Amino acid sequence: MTFAIRAATGNDHDAIWRIMEPIIRAGETYSLSRDMQRAEALDYWFAPDRSVFVAEEDGQVVGTCFLRANRPGPGSHVANAGFMVAADQGGRGVGKALC
C-alpha cells in the first residue's frame, strides 16, 4: 500500500478525532480517560512539544501519529511517539508507513 504522509493541520482535527474516539473509548491501548472529550483529546495529541502527522489514502486520513523528544537535555535526541490507525484500516500497513 502507498500512503501519503504529511504534517497534520487544524483542518485534520475532525478526521483525527474520528480515529481517536473509538480507541480512547475502548480503553485498551492508551491510558487515557475513556470519557475524554474531543477538545481535550486533540489538545493531548497536538501538545506544543509534539509534531503531528497523518497518513492519507485517496484524500482520506487513515492514521495519525505524533513525535516528541523523549527526554530534555542530553536525551533530547531520543524520540517518543504515539500512533493511531482507523479501525477499518488495521493490518494494511498504515502504522508502519507512519514510522
Protein backbone atom coordinates (compact mmCIF):
# COMPACT_ATOMS: atom_id res chain seq x y z
CA MET A 1 0.00 0.00 0.00
CA THR A 2 1.09 3.56 -0.64
CA PHE A 3 0.06 6.26 1.77
CA ALA A 4 0.82 9.97 1.63
CA ILE A 5 2.39 11.10 4.91
CA ARG A 6 2.19 14.80 5.76
CA ALA A 7 2.16 17.18 8.69
CA ALA A 8 -1.28 17.46 10.27
CA THR A 9 -3.12 20.77 10.27
CA GLY A 10 -6.16 22.15 12.05
CA ASN A 11 -8.20 21.00 9.06
CA ASP A 12 -7.45 17.41 10.08
CA HIS A 13 -9.00 17.64 13.56
CA ASP A 14 -12.33 16.05 12.57
CA ALA A 15 -10.63 13.14 10.79
CA ILE A 16 -8.17 12.61 13.63
CA TRP A 17 -10.95 12.66 16.21
CA ARG A 18 -12.85 10.01 14.20
CA ILE A 19 -9.77 7.80 14.55
CA MET A 20 -9.08 8.68 18.19
CA GLU A 21 -12.55 8.42 19.69
CA PRO A 22 -13.13 4.66 19.35
CA ILE A 23 -9.58 3.93 20.50
CA ILE A 24 -9.99 6.12 23.59
CA ARG A 25 -13.46 4.71 24.37
CA ALA A 26 -12.16 1.13 24.15
CA GLY A 27 -9.55 1.87 26.82
CA GLU A 28 -7.30 -0.94 25.60
CA THR A 29 -4.18 0.67 24.14
CA TYR A 30 -3.95 4.21 25.53
CA SER A 31 -4.07 5.09 29.21
CA LEU A 32 -6.41 8.00 28.58
CA SER A 33 -9.74 8.50 30.31
CA ARG A 34 -12.45 6.65 28.39
CA ASP A 35 -14.72 9.67 28.72
CA MET A 36 -12.14 12.13 27.37
CA GLN A 37 -13.88 14.63 25.13
CA ARG A 38 -12.87 15.84 21.68
CA ALA A 39 -11.21 19.12 22.67
CA GLU A 40 -9.16 17.52 25.45
CA ALA A 41 -8.11 14.62 23.23
CA LEU A 42 -6.99 16.90 20.41
CA ASP A 43 -5.12 19.12 22.90
CA TYR A 44 -3.32 15.99 24.11
CA TRP A 45 -2.46 14.82 20.57
CA PHE A 46 -1.42 18.29 19.38
CA ALA A 47 0.50 19.29 22.55
CA PRO A 48 3.06 22.05 21.86
CA ASP A 49 6.01 19.66 22.29
CA ARG A 50 4.78 17.34 19.52
CA SER A 51 4.92 17.14 15.75
CA VAL A 52 1.76 15.52 14.40
CA PHE A 53 1.43 13.69 11.08
CA VAL A 54 -1.33 11.95 9.17
CA ALA A 55 -1.39 9.13 6.65
CA GLU A 56 -3.75 9.67 3.74
CA GLU A 57 -5.07 7.38 1.08
CA ASP A 58 -7.19 8.80 -1.73
CA GLY A 59 -7.60 12.04 0.24
CA GLN A 60 -8.88 10.28 3.37
CA VAL A 61 -6.96 10.37 6.66
CA VAL A 62 -6.45 6.74 7.70
CA GLY A 63 -3.92 7.15 10.51
CA THR A 64 -2.08 9.66 12.65
CA CYS A 65 0.99 9.87 14.82
CA PHE A 66 2.89 12.30 16.98
CA LEU A 67 6.62 12.56 17.64
CA ARG A 68 8.31 14.33 20.51
CA ALA A 69 11.61 14.38 22.34
CA ASN A 70 11.60 11.64 24.97
CA ARG A 71 13.82 13.46 27.46
CA PRO A 72 15.06 17.02 27.76
CA GLY A 73 18.73 17.93 27.55
CA PRO A 74 21.17 15.12 26.79
CA GLY A 75 18.35 12.72 25.95
CA SER A 76 16.56 15.06 23.55
CA HIS A 77 17.87 13.06 20.58
CA VAL A 78 15.69 10.13 21.68
CA ALA A 79 12.16 10.24 20.27
CA ASN A 80 8.85 9.17 21.73
CA ALA A 81 5.84 8.57 19.50
CA GLY A 82 2.17 7.69 19.57
CA PHE A 83 0.25 6.07 16.72
CA MET A 84 -3.44 5.57 15.96
CA VAL A 85 -4.93 3.93 12.88
CA ALA A 86 -8.57 3.99 11.79
CA ALA A 87 -10.38 0.85 12.95
CA ASP A 88 -11.22 -0.24 9.41
CA GLN A 89 -7.61 0.20 8.26
CA GLY A 90 -5.85 -2.24 10.60
CA GLY A 91 -3.41 -4.66 9.02
CA ARG A 92 -2.89 -2.56 5.89
CA GLY A 93 0.49 -1.07 6.87
CA VAL A 94 -0.73 2.38 7.88
CA GLY A 95 1.15 2.38 11.19
CA LYS A 96 4.30 1.11 9.52
CA ALA A 97 4.06 3.86 6.90
CA LEU A 98 3.88 6.45 9.70
CA CYS A 99 7.11 5.17 11.28
